[in-house]
């Protein structure tokens, strides 16, 4: 079990355009990984253990492709929890605020190419997009995808970088 006595900001995800590290198995997403091109996932089990207490909120920073460093989008969820593996690391995200529309699929279970938990009737979204995430019905947030890297509409919000942070409430 991961234990932390004080609340500190933690990076839980980073994706840089061109990093194809996210097409990983359920077991790899459970423990976390990183690569030299900037791809990083803290690990679903650690994210669950940190968020179950309710003392963290989620902040996501998104840099569109071709933008300057100061031109970025941000979203915040004042309530953010990830349920245990028994519940397929189901996402709970409420209290949205941001300068771009909401695209996370609250209530979605985490899916990977080898563990299809999305709600799409005939498609494994993680296998299709090439990366594990909370897809719901192939969702609108494609932050870990190797094929498309976007938030909301891929035509409007194609990304260069995304970072997900746990911040203290």
N, C-alpha and C. Protein backbone atom coordinates (compact mmCIF):
# COMPACT_ATOMS: atom_id res chain seq x y z
N UNK A 1 0.84 -1.19 0.00
CA UNK A 1 0.00 0.00 0.00
C UNK A 1 0.88 1.24 0.00
N UNK A 2 0.52 2.21 -0.80
CA UNK A 2 1.23 3.48 -0.89
C UNK A 2 0.70 4.39 0.21
N UNK A 3 1.57 4.94 1.01
CA UNK A 3 1.15 5.80 2.11
C UNK A 3 1.89 7.12 2.05
N UNK A 4 1.16 8.18 2.26
CA UNK A 4 1.78 9.49 2.28
C UNK A 4 1.15 10.26 3.44
N UNK A 5 1.98 10.82 4.31
CA UNK A 5 1.48 11.49 5.51
C UNK A 5 0.93 12.88 5.22
N UNK A 6 1.52 13.57 4.26
CA UNK A 6 1.05 14.92 3.96
C UNK A 6 0.63 14.99 2.50
N UNK A 7 -0.21 15.92 2.23
CA UNK A 7 -0.71 16.10 0.86
C UNK A 7 0.30 16.93 0.07
N UNK A 8 0.82 16.37 -0.98
CA UNK A 8 1.77 17.07 -1.85
C UNK A 8 1.30 16.92 -3.29
N UNK A 9 1.52 17.94 -4.14
CA UNK A 9 1.16 17.82 -5.55
C UNK A 9 1.95 16.68 -6.22
N UNK A 10 1.26 15.91 -7.04
CA UNK A 10 1.90 14.78 -7.72
C UNK A 10 1.50 14.73 -9.18
N UNK A 11 2.48 14.60 -10.05
CA UNK A 11 2.23 14.37 -11.46
C UNK A 11 1.80 12.91 -11.63
N UNK A 12 0.64 12.68 -12.24
CA UNK A 12 0.19 11.30 -12.44
C UNK A 12 0.22 10.87 -13.91
N UNK A 13 0.27 11.84 -14.82
CA UNK A 13 0.31 11.53 -16.25
C UNK A 13 1.01 12.65 -17.00
N UNK A 14 1.81 12.25 -17.98
CA UNK A 14 2.37 13.22 -18.93
C UNK A 14 2.47 12.53 -20.28
N UNK A 15 1.99 13.21 -21.28
CA UNK A 15 2.09 12.70 -22.66
C UNK A 15 2.61 13.83 -23.53
N UNK A 16 3.60 13.53 -24.32
CA UNK A 16 4.18 14.47 -25.27
C UNK A 16 3.92 13.90 -26.66
N UNK A 17 3.46 14.75 -27.58
CA UNK A 17 3.18 14.29 -28.94
C UNK A 17 4.37 13.52 -29.48
N UNK A 18 4.10 12.34 -30.00
CA UNK A 18 5.16 11.50 -30.54
C UNK A 18 5.60 10.39 -29.60
N UNK A 19 5.26 10.52 -28.32
CA UNK A 19 5.56 9.46 -27.37
C UNK A 19 4.52 8.36 -27.53
N UNK A 20 4.97 7.16 -27.82
CA UNK A 20 4.06 6.04 -28.04
C UNK A 20 4.19 4.99 -26.95
N UNK A 21 4.38 5.45 -25.72
CA UNK A 21 4.61 4.55 -24.60
C UNK A 21 3.31 4.02 -23.98
N UNK A 22 2.16 4.54 -24.36
CA UNK A 22 0.93 4.24 -23.64
C UNK A 22 0.17 3.00 -24.11
N UNK A 23 0.64 2.32 -25.13
CA UNK A 23 -0.01 1.08 -25.54
C UNK A 23 0.55 -0.05 -24.67
N UNK A 24 0.09 -0.08 -23.43
CA UNK A 24 0.59 -0.98 -22.40
C UNK A 24 -0.52 -1.88 -21.87
N UNK A 25 -0.11 -2.93 -21.18
CA UNK A 25 -1.05 -3.90 -20.62
C UNK A 25 -1.68 -3.37 -19.32
N UNK A 26 -2.71 -4.06 -18.89
CA UNK A 26 -3.36 -3.74 -17.61
C UNK A 26 -2.34 -3.76 -16.48
N UNK A 27 -1.51 -4.79 -16.45
CA UNK A 27 -0.51 -4.92 -15.38
C UNK A 27 0.47 -3.75 -15.38
N UNK A 28 0.86 -3.26 -16.56
CA UNK A 28 1.79 -2.13 -16.63
C UNK A 28 1.14 -0.83 -16.17
N UNK A 29 -0.13 -0.61 -16.54
CA UNK A 29 -0.84 0.58 -16.07
C UNK A 29 -1.07 0.50 -14.57
N UNK A 30 -1.21 -0.68 -14.04
CA UNK A 30 -1.42 -0.84 -12.60
C UNK A 30 -0.22 -0.31 -11.81
N UNK A 31 1.00 -0.62 -12.26
CA UNK A 31 2.20 -0.25 -11.50
C UNK A 31 2.85 1.05 -11.99
N UNK A 32 2.54 1.48 -13.20
CA UNK A 32 3.09 2.73 -13.73
C UNK A 32 4.32 2.51 -14.60
N UNK A 33 4.70 3.55 -15.34
CA UNK A 33 5.83 3.47 -16.27
C UNK A 33 6.21 4.87 -16.73
N UNK A 34 7.36 4.97 -17.39
CA UNK A 34 7.77 6.20 -18.06
C UNK A 34 8.73 5.85 -19.17
N UNK A 35 9.03 6.83 -20.02
CA UNK A 35 10.00 6.62 -21.09
C UNK A 35 10.81 7.90 -21.30
N UNK A 36 11.84 7.80 -22.08
CA UNK A 36 12.76 8.92 -22.29
C UNK A 36 12.17 10.03 -23.16
N UNK A 37 11.04 9.79 -23.84
CA UNK A 37 10.45 10.82 -24.68
C UNK A 37 9.37 11.63 -23.95
N UNK A 38 9.21 11.41 -22.66
CA UNK A 38 8.29 12.23 -21.88
C UNK A 38 6.99 11.58 -21.49
N UNK A 39 6.78 10.33 -21.86
CA UNK A 39 5.56 9.64 -21.47
C UNK A 39 5.66 9.12 -20.04
N UNK A 40 4.60 9.32 -19.24
CA UNK A 40 4.64 8.96 -17.83
C UNK A 40 3.25 8.63 -17.32
N UNK A 41 3.13 7.55 -16.55
CA UNK A 41 1.91 7.18 -15.85
C UNK A 41 2.31 6.71 -14.47
N UNK A 42 1.77 7.35 -13.42
CA UNK A 42 2.13 7.02 -12.04
C UNK A 42 1.78 5.60 -11.67
N UNK A 43 0.65 5.12 -12.12
CA UNK A 43 0.19 3.76 -11.80
C UNK A 43 -1.20 3.80 -11.19
N UNK A 44 -2.10 2.98 -11.71
CA UNK A 44 -3.49 3.00 -11.25
C UNK A 44 -3.63 2.65 -9.78
N UNK A 45 -2.83 1.72 -9.30
CA UNK A 45 -2.95 1.33 -7.90
C UNK A 45 -2.54 2.47 -6.98
N UNK A 46 -1.49 3.16 -7.29
CA UNK A 46 -1.05 4.31 -6.48
C UNK A 46 -2.07 5.44 -6.59
N UNK A 47 -2.58 5.70 -7.80
CA UNK A 47 -3.58 6.75 -7.97
C UNK A 47 -4.81 6.43 -7.14
N UNK A 48 -5.24 5.18 -7.15
CA UNK A 48 -6.38 4.78 -6.32
C UNK A 48 -6.09 5.03 -4.85
N UNK A 49 -4.95 4.57 -4.36
CA UNK A 49 -4.63 4.69 -2.93
C UNK A 49 -4.50 6.15 -2.49
N UNK A 50 -4.03 7.00 -3.38
CA UNK A 50 -3.91 8.42 -3.04
C UNK A 50 -5.26 9.13 -3.04
N UNK A 51 -6.14 8.76 -3.96
CA UNK A 51 -7.38 9.51 -4.13
C UNK A 51 -8.53 8.99 -3.28
N UNK A 52 -8.43 7.80 -2.73
CA UNK A 52 -9.53 7.23 -1.95
C UNK A 52 -9.85 8.09 -0.72
N UNK A 53 -8.88 8.80 -0.19
CA UNK A 53 -9.08 9.63 1.00
C UNK A 53 -9.90 10.89 0.69
N UNK A 54 -9.96 11.30 -0.58
CA UNK A 54 -10.71 12.48 -0.96
C UNK A 54 -9.97 13.79 -0.74
N UNK A 55 -8.67 13.75 -0.45
CA UNK A 55 -7.97 15.00 -0.17
C UNK A 55 -7.29 15.62 -1.40
N UNK A 56 -7.48 15.00 -2.55
CA UNK A 56 -6.89 15.55 -3.78
C UNK A 56 -7.97 15.98 -4.76
N UNK A 57 -7.66 16.99 -5.54
CA UNK A 57 -8.43 17.35 -6.71
C UNK A 57 -7.55 17.07 -7.92
N UNK A 58 -8.12 17.04 -9.09
CA UNK A 58 -7.37 16.77 -10.32
C UNK A 58 -7.26 18.04 -11.14
N UNK A 59 -6.06 18.33 -11.61
CA UNK A 59 -5.82 19.46 -12.51
C UNK A 59 -5.19 18.88 -13.77
N UNK A 60 -5.71 19.27 -14.92
CA UNK A 60 -5.17 18.81 -16.20
C UNK A 60 -4.76 20.03 -17.01
N UNK A 61 -3.53 20.02 -17.48
CA UNK A 61 -3.02 21.08 -18.35
C UNK A 61 -2.85 20.51 -19.75
N UNK A 62 -3.31 21.25 -20.75
CA UNK A 62 -3.29 20.79 -22.14
C UNK A 62 -2.67 21.88 -23.01
N UNK A 63 -1.64 21.52 -23.76
CA UNK A 63 -1.02 22.44 -24.71
C UNK A 63 -1.38 21.99 -26.13
N UNK A 64 -2.13 22.82 -26.86
CA UNK A 64 -2.48 22.46 -28.25
C UNK A 64 -1.25 22.43 -29.14
N UNK A 65 -1.31 21.63 -30.16
CA UNK A 65 -0.21 21.58 -31.14
C UNK A 65 -0.05 22.93 -31.80
N UNK A 66 1.20 23.35 -31.97
CA UNK A 66 1.50 24.59 -32.64
C UNK A 66 1.30 25.83 -31.80
N UNK A 67 1.03 25.67 -30.49
CA UNK A 67 0.79 26.84 -29.65
C UNK A 67 2.05 27.26 -28.90
N UNK A 68 2.05 28.45 -28.41
CA UNK A 68 3.14 28.93 -27.56
C UNK A 68 2.92 28.40 -26.15
N UNK A 69 3.96 28.39 -25.35
CA UNK A 69 3.88 27.80 -24.02
C UNK A 69 2.83 28.46 -23.13
N UNK A 70 2.54 29.74 -23.34
CA UNK A 70 1.55 30.42 -22.51
C UNK A 70 0.12 30.17 -22.99
N UNK A 71 -0.06 29.61 -24.16
CA UNK A 71 -1.38 29.35 -24.71
C UNK A 71 -1.76 27.91 -24.40
N UNK A 72 -2.39 27.71 -23.25
CA UNK A 72 -2.76 26.36 -22.86
C UNK A 72 -4.15 26.35 -22.27
N UNK A 73 -4.71 25.16 -22.22
CA UNK A 73 -6.00 24.95 -21.61
C UNK A 73 -5.78 24.29 -20.26
N UNK A 74 -6.74 24.47 -19.38
CA UNK A 74 -6.66 23.79 -18.09
C UNK A 74 -8.07 23.44 -17.63
N UNK A 75 -8.16 22.31 -16.97
CA UNK A 75 -9.42 21.86 -16.38
C UNK A 75 -9.13 21.37 -14.98
N UNK A 76 -10.13 21.51 -14.13
CA UNK A 76 -10.00 21.08 -12.74
C UNK A 76 -11.26 20.33 -12.35
N UNK A 77 -11.07 19.29 -11.55
CA UNK A 77 -12.18 18.55 -10.96
C UNK A 77 -11.97 18.60 -9.45
N UNK A 78 -12.90 19.21 -8.74
CA UNK A 78 -12.73 19.37 -7.29
C UNK A 78 -12.90 18.07 -6.53
N UNK A 79 -13.59 17.11 -7.11
CA UNK A 79 -13.68 15.77 -6.56
C UNK A 79 -13.09 14.80 -7.57
N UNK A 80 -12.09 14.06 -7.15
CA UNK A 80 -11.44 13.09 -8.03
C UNK A 80 -11.05 11.86 -7.23
N UNK A 81 -11.59 10.72 -7.63
CA UNK A 81 -11.26 9.45 -6.99
C UNK A 81 -11.16 8.38 -8.06
N UNK A 82 -10.31 7.41 -7.79
CA UNK A 82 -10.21 6.22 -8.62
C UNK A 82 -10.45 5.04 -7.70
N UNK A 83 -11.46 4.25 -8.03
CA UNK A 83 -11.83 3.11 -7.21
C UNK A 83 -10.85 1.95 -7.41
N UNK A 84 -10.84 0.96 -6.52
CA UNK A 84 -9.84 -0.11 -6.58
C UNK A 84 -9.96 -1.01 -7.81
N UNK A 85 -8.95 -1.83 -8.00
CA UNK A 85 -8.89 -2.74 -9.15
C UNK A 85 -10.13 -3.63 -9.22
N UNK A 86 -10.67 -4.02 -8.09
CA UNK A 86 -11.89 -4.83 -8.04
C UNK A 86 -13.00 -4.18 -8.87
N UNK A 87 -13.00 -2.84 -8.94
CA UNK A 87 -13.97 -2.08 -9.73
C UNK A 87 -13.35 -1.51 -11.00
N UNK A 88 -12.29 -2.13 -11.47
CA UNK A 88 -11.61 -1.76 -12.72
C UNK A 88 -11.15 -0.31 -12.74
N UNK A 89 -10.71 0.17 -11.59
CA UNK A 89 -10.20 1.55 -11.45
C UNK A 89 -11.19 2.57 -12.02
N UNK A 90 -12.45 2.42 -11.64
CA UNK A 90 -13.50 3.33 -12.09
C UNK A 90 -13.19 4.76 -11.66
N UNK A 91 -13.44 5.68 -12.56
CA UNK A 91 -13.16 7.10 -12.37
C UNK A 91 -14.36 7.82 -11.77
N UNK A 92 -14.10 8.65 -10.77
CA UNK A 92 -15.11 9.57 -10.25
C UNK A 92 -14.52 10.98 -10.34
N UNK A 93 -15.12 11.83 -11.13
CA UNK A 93 -14.63 13.20 -11.33
C UNK A 93 -15.82 14.15 -11.38
N UNK A 94 -15.93 15.01 -10.36
CA UNK A 94 -17.01 15.99 -10.26
C UNK A 94 -16.43 17.37 -10.01
N UNK A 95 -17.27 18.36 -10.14
CA UNK A 95 -16.87 19.73 -9.84
C UNK A 95 -15.97 20.31 -10.92
N UNK A 96 -16.38 20.15 -12.17
CA UNK A 96 -15.58 20.62 -13.30
C UNK A 96 -15.49 22.13 -13.34
N UNK A 97 -14.32 22.61 -13.67
CA UNK A 97 -14.07 24.02 -13.95
C UNK A 97 -12.93 24.07 -14.95
N UNK A 98 -13.00 24.95 -15.96
CA UNK A 98 -11.90 25.07 -16.91
C UNK A 98 -12.16 26.07 -18.00
N UNK A 99 -11.16 26.25 -18.86
CA UNK A 99 -11.30 27.16 -20.00
C UNK A 99 -11.47 26.39 -21.31
N UNK A 100 -11.89 25.15 -21.20
CA UNK A 100 -12.23 24.28 -22.32
C UNK A 100 -13.33 23.35 -21.79
N UNK A 101 -14.14 22.78 -22.65
CA UNK A 101 -15.26 21.98 -22.17
C UNK A 101 -14.82 20.65 -21.53
N UNK A 102 -15.68 20.10 -20.73
CA UNK A 102 -15.42 18.85 -20.03
C UNK A 102 -15.38 17.70 -21.04
N UNK A 103 -14.40 16.81 -20.89
CA UNK A 103 -14.31 15.67 -21.79
C UNK A 103 -14.04 14.35 -21.07
N UNK A 104 -13.80 14.38 -19.75
CA UNK A 104 -13.61 13.13 -19.02
C UNK A 104 -14.94 12.41 -18.88
N UNK A 105 -14.89 11.10 -18.86
CA UNK A 105 -16.09 10.28 -18.78
C UNK A 105 -16.27 9.80 -17.34
N UNK A 106 -16.95 10.61 -16.52
CA UNK A 106 -17.20 10.24 -15.14
C UNK A 106 -17.91 8.88 -15.08
N UNK A 107 -17.44 8.02 -14.20
CA UNK A 107 -18.03 6.69 -14.05
C UNK A 107 -17.45 5.65 -14.98
N UNK A 108 -16.52 6.04 -15.84
CA UNK A 108 -15.91 5.08 -16.77
C UNK A 108 -14.90 4.18 -16.04
N UNK A 109 -14.83 2.95 -16.47
CA UNK A 109 -13.82 2.03 -15.97
C UNK A 109 -12.57 2.15 -16.85
N UNK A 110 -11.42 1.89 -16.27
CA UNK A 110 -10.17 1.96 -17.02
C UNK A 110 -10.09 0.77 -17.98
N UNK A 111 -9.64 1.03 -19.20
CA UNK A 111 -9.51 -0.01 -20.22
C UNK A 111 -8.11 -0.02 -20.80
N UNK A 112 -7.64 -1.20 -21.13
CA UNK A 112 -6.38 -1.39 -21.84
C UNK A 112 -6.63 -2.39 -22.98
N UNK A 113 -5.64 -2.56 -23.85
CA UNK A 113 -5.85 -3.48 -24.99
C UNK A 113 -6.16 -4.90 -24.53
N UNK A 114 -5.67 -5.29 -23.35
CA UNK A 114 -5.89 -6.66 -22.87
C UNK A 114 -6.98 -6.76 -21.80
N UNK A 115 -7.66 -5.65 -21.53
CA UNK A 115 -8.76 -5.67 -20.56
C UNK A 115 -9.77 -4.60 -20.97
N UNK A 116 -10.75 -5.02 -21.74
CA UNK A 116 -11.75 -4.14 -22.34
C UNK A 116 -12.88 -3.89 -21.36
N UNK A 117 -12.88 -2.70 -20.74
CA UNK A 117 -13.91 -2.33 -19.78
C UNK A 117 -14.77 -1.17 -20.25
N UNK A 118 -14.59 -0.75 -21.49
CA UNK A 118 -15.37 0.39 -21.97
C UNK A 118 -16.79 -0.07 -22.31
N UNK A 119 -17.66 0.89 -22.59
CA UNK A 119 -19.07 0.59 -22.85
C UNK A 119 -19.39 0.45 -24.33
N UNK A 120 -18.40 0.55 -25.19
CA UNK A 120 -18.66 0.40 -26.62
C UNK A 120 -19.05 -1.04 -26.91
N UNK A 121 -20.08 -1.23 -27.69
CA UNK A 121 -20.64 -2.57 -27.90
C UNK A 121 -19.76 -3.48 -28.75
N UNK A 122 -18.99 -2.93 -29.68
CA UNK A 122 -18.25 -3.81 -30.59
C UNK A 122 -16.77 -3.46 -30.74
N UNK A 123 -16.28 -2.50 -29.97
CA UNK A 123 -14.91 -2.03 -30.16
C UNK A 123 -14.21 -1.95 -28.81
N UNK A 124 -12.97 -2.42 -28.74
CA UNK A 124 -12.14 -2.18 -27.58
C UNK A 124 -11.45 -0.84 -27.82
N UNK A 125 -11.91 0.20 -27.14
CA UNK A 125 -11.42 1.56 -27.38
C UNK A 125 -9.92 1.67 -27.15
N UNK A 126 -9.41 1.01 -26.11
CA UNK A 126 -7.98 1.08 -25.81
C UNK A 126 -7.15 0.43 -26.92
N UNK A 127 -7.62 -0.68 -27.46
CA UNK A 127 -6.91 -1.32 -28.58
C UNK A 127 -7.00 -0.44 -29.83
N UNK A 128 -8.17 0.14 -30.06
CA UNK A 128 -8.38 0.98 -31.24
C UNK A 128 -7.50 2.24 -31.20
N UNK A 129 -7.46 2.92 -30.04
CA UNK A 129 -6.70 4.16 -29.94
C UNK A 129 -5.24 3.95 -29.56
N UNK A 130 -4.89 2.76 -29.10
CA UNK A 130 -3.49 2.46 -28.78
C UNK A 130 -3.02 3.04 -27.47
N UNK A 131 -3.82 2.92 -26.43
CA UNK A 131 -3.41 3.40 -25.11
C UNK A 131 -4.51 3.24 -24.09
N UNK A 132 -4.15 2.92 -22.85
CA UNK A 132 -5.13 2.74 -21.79
C UNK A 132 -5.63 4.06 -21.25
N UNK A 133 -6.94 4.10 -20.90
CA UNK A 133 -7.53 5.30 -20.31
C UNK A 133 -8.97 4.99 -19.90
N UNK A 134 -9.67 5.98 -19.36
CA UNK A 134 -11.08 5.89 -19.00
C UNK A 134 -11.89 6.30 -20.22
N UNK A 135 -12.20 5.35 -21.09
CA UNK A 135 -12.82 5.67 -22.38
C UNK A 135 -14.33 5.73 -22.37
N UNK A 136 -15.01 5.08 -21.46
CA UNK A 136 -16.46 4.97 -21.48
C UNK A 136 -16.88 4.37 -22.83
N UNK A 137 -17.48 5.17 -23.70
CA UNK A 137 -17.91 4.70 -25.01
C UNK A 137 -16.95 5.26 -26.07
N UNK A 138 -15.69 5.05 -25.87
CA UNK A 138 -14.57 5.56 -26.67
C UNK A 138 -14.34 7.05 -26.45
N UNK A 139 -15.07 7.64 -25.56
CA UNK A 139 -14.82 8.94 -24.95
C UNK A 139 -14.34 10.08 -25.81
N UNK A 140 -14.18 11.19 -25.16
CA UNK A 140 -13.73 12.41 -25.82
C UNK A 140 -12.36 12.84 -25.33
N UNK A 141 -11.88 12.23 -24.27
CA UNK A 141 -10.55 12.55 -23.75
C UNK A 141 -9.60 11.45 -24.18
N UNK A 142 -8.73 11.76 -25.11
CA UNK A 142 -7.78 10.78 -25.64
C UNK A 142 -6.37 11.19 -25.23
N UNK A 143 -6.13 11.23 -23.92
CA UNK A 143 -4.85 11.74 -23.42
C UNK A 143 -3.74 10.70 -23.46
N UNK A 144 -4.06 9.43 -23.50
CA UNK A 144 -3.03 8.39 -23.54
C UNK A 144 -3.00 7.64 -24.87
N UNK A 145 -3.67 8.15 -25.84
CA UNK A 145 -3.78 7.47 -27.13
C UNK A 145 -2.51 7.63 -27.96
N UNK A 146 -2.13 6.57 -28.62
CA UNK A 146 -1.00 6.63 -29.57
C UNK A 146 -1.47 7.06 -30.96
N UNK A 147 -2.75 6.88 -31.26
CA UNK A 147 -3.26 7.19 -32.59
C UNK A 147 -3.78 8.62 -32.72
N UNK A 148 -4.56 9.06 -31.76
CA UNK A 148 -5.07 10.44 -31.72
C UNK A 148 -4.76 10.96 -30.33
N UNK A 149 -4.34 12.20 -30.24
CA UNK A 149 -3.96 12.80 -28.97
C UNK A 149 -4.72 14.10 -28.86
N UNK A 150 -5.86 14.07 -28.15
CA UNK A 150 -6.72 15.24 -28.14
C UNK A 150 -7.65 15.25 -26.93
N UNK A 151 -8.32 16.36 -26.77
CA UNK A 151 -9.31 16.57 -25.72
C UNK A 151 -10.56 17.10 -26.41
N UNK A 152 -11.67 16.46 -26.19
CA UNK A 152 -12.90 16.88 -26.87
C UNK A 152 -12.82 16.51 -28.34
N UNK A 153 -13.05 17.45 -29.19
CA UNK A 153 -12.98 17.23 -30.62
C UNK A 153 -11.53 17.20 -31.09
N UNK A 154 -11.13 16.12 -31.72
CA UNK A 154 -9.75 16.03 -32.21
C UNK A 154 -9.48 17.04 -33.32
N UNK A 155 -10.52 17.47 -34.03
CA UNK A 155 -10.34 18.49 -35.06
C UNK A 155 -10.00 19.84 -34.45
N UNK A 156 -10.54 20.12 -33.27
CA UNK A 156 -10.36 21.43 -32.63
C UNK A 156 -9.22 21.46 -31.62
N UNK A 157 -9.01 20.36 -30.91
CA UNK A 157 -8.08 20.37 -29.78
C UNK A 157 -7.05 19.25 -29.88
N UNK A 158 -6.29 19.24 -30.95
CA UNK A 158 -5.19 18.30 -31.11
C UNK A 158 -4.04 18.79 -30.24
N UNK A 159 -3.42 17.89 -29.49
CA UNK A 159 -2.49 18.30 -28.44
C UNK A 159 -1.02 18.04 -28.74
N UNK A 160 -0.18 18.85 -28.13
CA UNK A 160 1.27 18.66 -28.12
C UNK A 160 1.70 18.01 -26.81
N UNK A 161 1.10 18.46 -25.68
CA UNK A 161 1.46 17.96 -24.35
C UNK A 161 0.21 17.92 -23.47
N UNK A 162 0.13 16.91 -22.62
CA UNK A 162 -0.86 16.89 -21.56
C UNK A 162 -0.18 16.48 -20.27
N UNK A 163 -0.66 17.07 -19.17
CA UNK A 163 -0.17 16.71 -17.84
C UNK A 163 -1.36 16.66 -16.90
N UNK A 164 -1.43 15.59 -16.13
CA UNK A 164 -2.47 15.43 -15.11
C UNK A 164 -1.80 15.48 -13.74
N UNK A 165 -2.30 16.35 -12.88
CA UNK A 165 -1.73 16.53 -11.54
C UNK A 165 -2.77 16.27 -10.47
N UNK A 166 -2.36 15.63 -9.39
CA UNK A 166 -3.15 15.60 -8.17
C UNK A 166 -2.69 16.79 -7.34
N UNK A 167 -3.64 17.64 -6.97
CA UNK A 167 -3.33 18.82 -6.15
C UNK A 167 -4.13 18.74 -4.85
N UNK A 168 -3.59 19.25 -3.80
CA UNK A 168 -4.26 19.25 -2.49
C UNK A 168 -5.51 20.11 -2.55
N UNK A 169 -6.55 19.67 -1.87
CA UNK A 169 -7.80 20.45 -1.79
C UNK A 169 -7.61 21.63 -0.89
